[in-house]
Amino acid sequence: MAPAPAHAVLISGASSGIGRACALDLAAGGFRVFAGVRRETDAESLRRAGGDRLHPVMLDVTCEQDILKALGDIRQALDARERFALVNNAGVALSGPLEATSSEALRDLFEVNVVGVLSLTRAALPLLRERRGRIVNIGSTSGRFASALLGPYCASKFALEALTTSLRLELGETGIQVSIIEPGVVATPFWDKMRSAEQRLLREMPEALRAGYADRMAARHVLIERLGRSGMAPEEVALAVRHALSAKRPRKRYVVGLRDRIRAAAAARLPDGLRRAIATLRGRGAASFRR
């Protein structure tokens, strides 16, 4: 698929996983990619892999200075008629029992997954308006179906769903198209990080809480190992992102993966009691980490 109508794109959280797959796929497909990373080692890795169409930029979405500098540099680099798009991928996970979730941890989660998305989008809007750009937010099926022991993360992704819909409605007359991508289980370093973080959290949890959740968290560790091996490739998500950036009429929502499309369609028709039972079975464990 040809890269028009979005020729240049900024991707946050491009150091690994979905973000890296999107950066490499879009660069190979003819886009000029500005890949947001937080470490120079990740920038160098992307330079080696992506060729001359991939340009790493230092970008922490919680840092206003990073955001303004990245967008200022991009504005100067763009050709006069070059179109521009934004992919909000940077995110963190925080899973675990809600009663064990500190207010500080919850604020940190929302600072990246919700406030960071809006901060970067708001700063990019002047450029997006000028060039009738596109916004693609990387959400999750957890943004529509909450799970036990994954409440904080689900809450942030539910918030991202609402933010995306509101942006779409508010920007409709500007010509800016807004889409959300909802992957299910993706085979990325996400799962190794989650397992390590959950093990650390279990060690640090007060004894009274540990006794009540240890067995469920141990079962989740087994599940995480399986999910890390069996999930879809991040390149599948990258294909959906490319469609959202390239199609004449991009979809508002992309549920990625056949299994997840079936589950989403079925779950929407299930009674609340059965949905609650499924969500309880899905929840196993607790942790926090950053992409």
Protein backbone atom coordinates (compact mmCIF):
# COMPACT_ATOMS: atom_id res chain seq x y z
CA MET A 1 0.00 0.00 0.00
CA ALA A 2 1.39 3.41 -0.94
CA PRO A 3 2.33 5.72 1.92
CA ALA A 4 0.02 8.58 0.89
CA PRO A 5 -1.71 10.47 2.41
CA ALA A 6 0.66 10.42 5.42
CA HIS A 7 4.29 10.61 4.36
CA ALA A 8 6.04 11.40 7.64
CA VAL A 9 5.14 9.99 11.04
CA LEU A 10 6.22 10.39 14.65
CA ILE A 11 5.97 7.21 16.75
CA SER A 12 6.37 7.39 20.52
CA GLY A 13 7.75 4.39 22.41
CA ALA A 14 9.59 2.99 19.38
CA SER A 15 12.49 1.29 21.15
CA SER A 16 10.99 -2.22 21.18
CA GLY A 17 7.87 -4.30 20.62
CA ILE A 18 4.97 -2.75 18.73
CA GLY A 19 6.59 0.67 18.39
CA ARG A 20 9.78 -0.71 16.89
CA ALA A 21 7.84 -2.99 14.53
CA CYS A 22 5.79 0.00 13.35
CA ALA A 23 8.88 2.13 12.83
CA LEU A 24 10.64 -0.50 10.73
CA ASP A 25 7.52 -1.43 8.74
CA LEU A 26 6.63 2.15 7.89
CA ALA A 27 10.20 3.06 6.97
CA ALA A 28 10.35 0.03 4.67
CA GLY A 29 7.01 1.09 3.18
CA GLY A 30 8.23 4.54 2.17
CA PHE A 31 7.33 6.69 5.17
CA ARG A 32 9.82 9.02 6.75
CA VAL A 33 9.75 7.84 10.36
CA PHE A 34 10.66 9.85 13.44
CA ALA A 35 11.01 7.17 16.11
CA GLY A 36 10.70 8.31 19.71
CA VAL A 37 13.09 6.60 22.15
CA ARG A 38 14.47 7.41 25.60
CA ARG A 39 17.94 5.84 25.32
CA GLU A 40 20.75 6.44 22.86
CA THR A 41 21.41 2.69 22.60
CA ASP A 42 17.86 2.21 21.28
CA ALA A 43 18.34 5.08 18.85
CA GLU A 44 21.50 3.51 17.47
CA SER A 45 19.81 0.12 17.11
CA LEU A 46 17.00 1.68 15.08
CA ARG A 47 19.44 3.59 12.89
CA ARG A 48 21.20 0.36 11.99
CA ALA A 49 17.97 -1.50 11.29
CA GLY A 50 15.87 1.17 9.60
CA GLY A 51 18.06 2.79 7.01
CA ASP A 52 18.02 6.42 5.96
CA ARG A 53 14.23 6.82 6.22
CA LEU A 54 14.24 6.21 9.98
CA HIS A 55 15.26 9.06 12.28
CA PRO A 56 15.33 8.38 16.05
CA VAL A 57 14.38 11.30 18.31
CA MET A 58 14.79 11.47 22.07
CA LEU A 59 11.26 11.56 23.46
CA ASP A 60 9.86 10.99 26.93
CA VAL A 61 6.12 11.73 26.71
CA THR A 62 6.08 12.89 30.34
CA CYS A 63 8.71 15.57 29.59
CA GLU A 64 7.33 18.76 28.04
CA GLN A 65 10.81 19.83 26.96
CA ASP A 66 11.35 16.57 25.06
CA ILE A 67 7.99 16.92 23.34
CA LEU A 68 8.55 20.50 22.21
CA LYS A 69 12.09 19.84 21.00
CA ALA A 70 11.11 16.72 19.05
CA LEU A 71 8.23 18.47 17.30
CA GLY A 72 10.33 21.57 16.62
CA ASP A 73 13.03 19.45 15.00
CA ILE A 74 10.44 17.55 12.96
CA ARG A 75 8.81 20.77 11.73
CA GLN A 76 12.18 21.98 10.46
CA ALA A 77 12.91 18.64 8.78
CA LEU A 78 9.62 18.30 6.89
CA ASP A 79 9.35 19.25 3.26
CA ALA A 80 6.88 21.99 2.40
CA ARG A 81 4.23 19.60 1.05
CA GLU A 82 5.02 16.58 3.20
CA ARG A 83 2.12 15.20 5.20
CA PHE A 84 2.48 14.25 8.85
CA ALA A 85 0.93 11.75 11.26
CA LEU A 86 1.29 10.83 14.93
CA VAL A 87 1.28 7.33 16.43
CA ASN A 88 0.89 7.35 20.21
CA ASN A 89 2.44 4.05 21.28
CA ALA A 90 4.45 4.82 24.43
CA GLY A 91 2.90 3.20 27.47
CA VAL A 92 3.43 1.43 30.77
CA ALA A 93 1.61 -1.42 32.47
CA LEU A 94 0.49 -1.67 36.07
CA SER A 95 -1.27 -4.84 37.07
CA GLY A 96 -2.20 -6.28 40.42
CA PRO A 97 -4.83 -6.11 43.12
CA LEU A 98 -6.34 -2.66 43.34
CA GLU A 99 -6.01 -2.69 47.13
CA ALA A 100 -2.24 -3.08 46.70
CA THR A 101 -1.95 -0.30 44.12
CA SER A 102 -0.48 2.89 45.53
CA SER A 103 -1.83 6.27 44.51
CA GLU A 104 1.66 7.22 43.35
CA ALA A 105 1.89 4.18 41.07
CA LEU A 106 -1.55 4.92 39.64
CA ARG A 107 -0.60 8.53 38.94
CA ASP A 108 2.61 7.43 37.21
CA LEU A 109 0.60 5.02 35.03
CA PHE A 110 -1.91 7.65 33.94
CA GLU A 111 0.86 10.21 33.43
CA VAL A 112 2.25 8.07 30.59
CA ASN A 113 -0.79 6.22 29.23
CA VAL A 114 -3.28 9.09 29.26
CA VAL A 115 -1.72 12.47 30.10
CA GLY A 116 1.36 11.70 27.99
CA VAL A 117 -0.80 10.82 24.99
CA LEU A 118 -2.75 14.05 25.29
CA SER A 119 0.38 16.14 25.92
CA LEU A 120 2.09 14.86 22.77
CA THR A 121 -1.10 15.10 20.71
CA ARG A 122 -1.86 18.63 21.87
CA ALA A 123 1.65 19.79 20.99
CA ALA A 124 1.46 18.09 17.58
CA LEU A 125 -1.96 19.48 16.63
CA PRO A 126 -0.74 22.70 14.98
CA LEU A 127 1.43 20.64 12.63
CA LEU A 128 -1.32 18.06 12.13
CA ARG A 129 -3.84 20.79 11.26
CA GLU A 130 -1.51 22.42 8.76
CA ARG A 131 -0.96 19.13 6.95
CA ARG A 132 -4.37 17.46 7.48
CA GLY A 133 -2.64 14.70 9.37
CA ARG A 134 -3.72 11.58 11.17
CA ILE A 135 -3.58 10.37 14.76
CA VAL A 136 -3.30 6.68 15.62
CA ASN A 137 -3.46 5.63 19.27
CA ILE A 138 -2.26 2.20 20.35
CA GLY A 139 -4.85 0.92 22.78
CA SER A 140 -5.65 -2.62 23.88
CA THR A 141 -8.54 -5.04 24.10
CA SER A 142 -8.11 -4.36 27.84
CA GLY A 143 -9.58 -0.95 27.07
CA ARG A 144 -12.97 -2.54 26.45
CA PHE A 145 -12.93 -5.63 28.69
CA ALA A 146 -11.68 -5.20 32.25
CA SER A 147 -9.93 -8.05 34.07
CA ALA A 148 -9.39 -8.99 37.67
CA LEU A 149 -5.88 -8.09 38.88
CA LEU A 150 -5.33 -5.87 35.84
CA GLY A 151 -7.55 -3.01 36.98
CA PRO A 152 -5.07 -0.12 36.86
CA TYR A 153 -3.90 -0.92 33.32
CA CYS A 154 -7.46 -1.54 32.10
CA ALA A 155 -8.56 1.78 33.60
CA SER A 156 -5.86 3.64 31.67
CA LYS A 157 -6.81 1.92 28.43
CA PHE A 158 -10.52 2.60 28.99
CA ALA A 159 -9.51 6.25 29.42
CA LEU A 160 -7.56 6.12 26.15
CA GLU A 161 -10.66 4.81 24.36
CA ALA A 162 -12.65 7.79 25.63
CA LEU A 163 -9.86 10.23 24.81
CA THR A 164 -9.62 8.85 21.26
CA THR A 165 -13.37 9.11 20.67
CA SER A 166 -13.50 12.65 22.04
CA LEU A 167 -10.56 13.72 19.87
CA ARG A 168 -12.24 12.24 16.82
CA LEU A 169 -15.43 14.18 17.51
CA GLU A 170 -13.64 17.44 18.31
CA LEU A 171 -11.30 17.30 15.32
CA GLY A 172 -13.81 16.04 12.77
CA GLU A 173 -14.12 19.37 10.97
CA THR A 174 -10.35 19.86 10.72
CA GLY A 175 -9.78 16.91 8.40
CA ILE A 176 -7.63 15.12 10.99
CA GLN A 177 -8.54 11.43 11.09
CA VAL A 178 -8.27 9.64 14.47
CA SER A 179 -8.04 5.85 14.87
CA ILE A 180 -7.35 3.46 17.72
CA ILE A 181 -5.59 0.10 17.41
CA GLU A 182 -6.67 -2.63 19.84
CA PRO A 183 -4.19 -5.50 19.91
CA GLY A 184 -4.76 -8.60 21.99
CA VAL A 185 -1.78 -10.65 23.12
CA VAL A 186 1.40 -9.68 21.27
CA ALA A 187 4.70 -11.57 21.57
CA THR A 188 7.03 -8.80 22.74
CA PRO A 189 9.45 -8.15 25.64
CA PHE A 190 6.31 -6.82 27.42
CA TRP A 191 5.71 -10.25 28.95
CA ASP A 192 9.23 -10.81 30.26
CA LYS A 193 9.11 -7.39 31.89
CA MET A 194 5.71 -8.12 33.39
CA ARG A 195 6.84 -11.44 34.86
CA SER A 196 9.92 -9.89 36.46
CA ALA A 197 7.94 -6.97 37.85
CA GLU A 198 5.26 -9.26 39.28
CA GLN A 199 7.85 -11.39 41.04
CA ARG A 200 9.36 -8.26 42.57
CA LEU A 201 5.96 -6.97 43.63
CA LEU A 202 5.06 -10.24 45.29
CA ARG A 203 8.25 -10.10 47.35
CA GLU A 204 7.49 -6.54 48.44
CA MET A 205 3.79 -7.05 49.16
CA PRO A 206 2.71 -6.98 52.83
CA GLU A 207 2.29 -10.48 54.25
CA ALA A 208 -1.45 -10.09 54.75
CA LEU A 209 -1.94 -9.32 51.06
CA ARG A 210 0.64 -11.83 49.87
CA ALA A 211 -1.23 -14.69 51.53
CA GLY A 212 -4.40 -13.79 49.68
CA TYR A 213 -2.88 -13.33 46.23
CA ALA A 214 0.24 -15.53 46.07
CA ASP A 215 -1.45 -18.54 44.45
CA ARG A 216 -3.22 -16.44 41.84
CA MET A 217 -0.03 -14.58 41.01
CA ALA A 218 1.93 -17.83 40.70
CA ALA A 219 -0.68 -19.07 38.24
CA ARG A 220 -0.35 -15.82 36.34
CA HIS A 221 3.41 -16.28 36.02
CA VAL A 222 2.74 -19.55 34.19
CA LEU A 223 0.17 -17.82 31.99
CA ILE A 224 2.56 -14.98 31.19
CA GLU A 225 5.23 -17.42 30.02
CA ARG A 226 2.71 -19.05 27.70
CA LEU A 227 1.39 -15.75 26.37
CA GLY A 228 4.91 -14.54 25.67
CA ARG A 229 5.41 -17.54 23.40
CA SER A 230 1.99 -17.76 21.74
CA GLY A 231 1.05 -14.14 21.07
CA MET A 232 0.81 -12.59 17.62
CA ALA A 233 3.88 -10.97 16.11
CA PRO A 234 4.11 -7.19 16.60
CA GLU A 235 4.35 -6.92 12.82
CA GLU A 236 0.63 -7.79 12.68
CA VAL A 237 -0.12 -4.68 14.69
CA ALA A 238 2.20 -2.68 12.43
CA LEU A 239 0.10 -3.69 9.41
CA ALA A 240 -3.01 -2.25 11.07
CA VAL A 241 -1.15 0.96 11.85
CA ARG A 242 0.01 1.22 8.23
CA HIS A 243 -3.58 0.83 7.03
CA ALA A 244 -4.76 3.54 9.43
CA LEU A 245 -2.12 5.88 8.03
CA SER A 246 -2.46 4.97 4.36
CA ALA A 247 -6.08 4.08 3.64
CA LYS A 248 -8.31 6.64 1.98
CA ARG A 249 -10.95 5.90 4.63
CA PRO A 250 -9.20 4.56 7.74
CA ARG A 251 -11.28 2.71 10.30
CA LYS A 252 -12.10 4.27 13.63
CA ARG A 253 -11.10 1.08 15.46
CA TYR A 254 -8.83 -1.83 14.52
CA VAL A 255 -9.08 -5.00 16.63
CA VAL A 256 -5.93 -6.92 15.68
CA GLY A 257 -5.85 -10.71 15.59
CA LEU A 258 -8.58 -13.14 14.54
CA ARG A 259 -8.93 -14.62 18.03
CA ASP A 260 -9.35 -11.16 19.53
CA ARG A 261 -11.88 -10.04 16.92
CA ILE A 262 -13.97 -13.12 17.65
CA ARG A 263 -13.66 -12.61 21.41
CA ALA A 264 -14.58 -8.93 21.14
CA ALA A 265 -17.65 -9.69 19.02
CA ALA A 266 -18.76 -12.50 21.31
CA ALA A 267 -18.10 -10.65 24.56
CA ALA A 268 -20.19 -7.70 23.41
CA ARG A 269 -23.20 -10.02 23.34
CA LEU A 270 -22.59 -11.95 26.57
CA PRO A 271 -24.63 -11.31 29.71
CA ASP A 272 -22.86 -9.29 32.41
CA GLY A 273 -22.54 -12.26 34.76
CA LEU A 274 -20.70 -14.38 32.20
CA ARG A 275 -18.49 -11.46 31.21
CA ARG A 276 -17.54 -10.98 34.86
CA ALA A 277 -16.65 -14.67 35.18
CA ILE A 278 -14.42 -14.53 32.10
CA ALA A 279 -12.75 -11.35 33.31
CA THR A 280 -12.04 -12.96 36.68
CA LEU A 281 -10.39 -15.94 34.99
CA ARG A 282 -8.25 -13.63 32.86
CA GLY A 283 -6.83 -11.76 35.85
CA ARG A 284 -3.66 -13.26 37.26
CA GLY A 285 -0.98 -11.14 38.97
CA ALA A 286 0.51 -7.70 39.46
CA ALA A 287 3.33 -5.50 38.21
CA SER A 288 4.49 -2.23 36.73
CA PHE A 289 7.00 -1.54 33.95
CA ARG A 290 7.63 0.79 31.06
CA ARG A 291 8.08 0.05 27.35
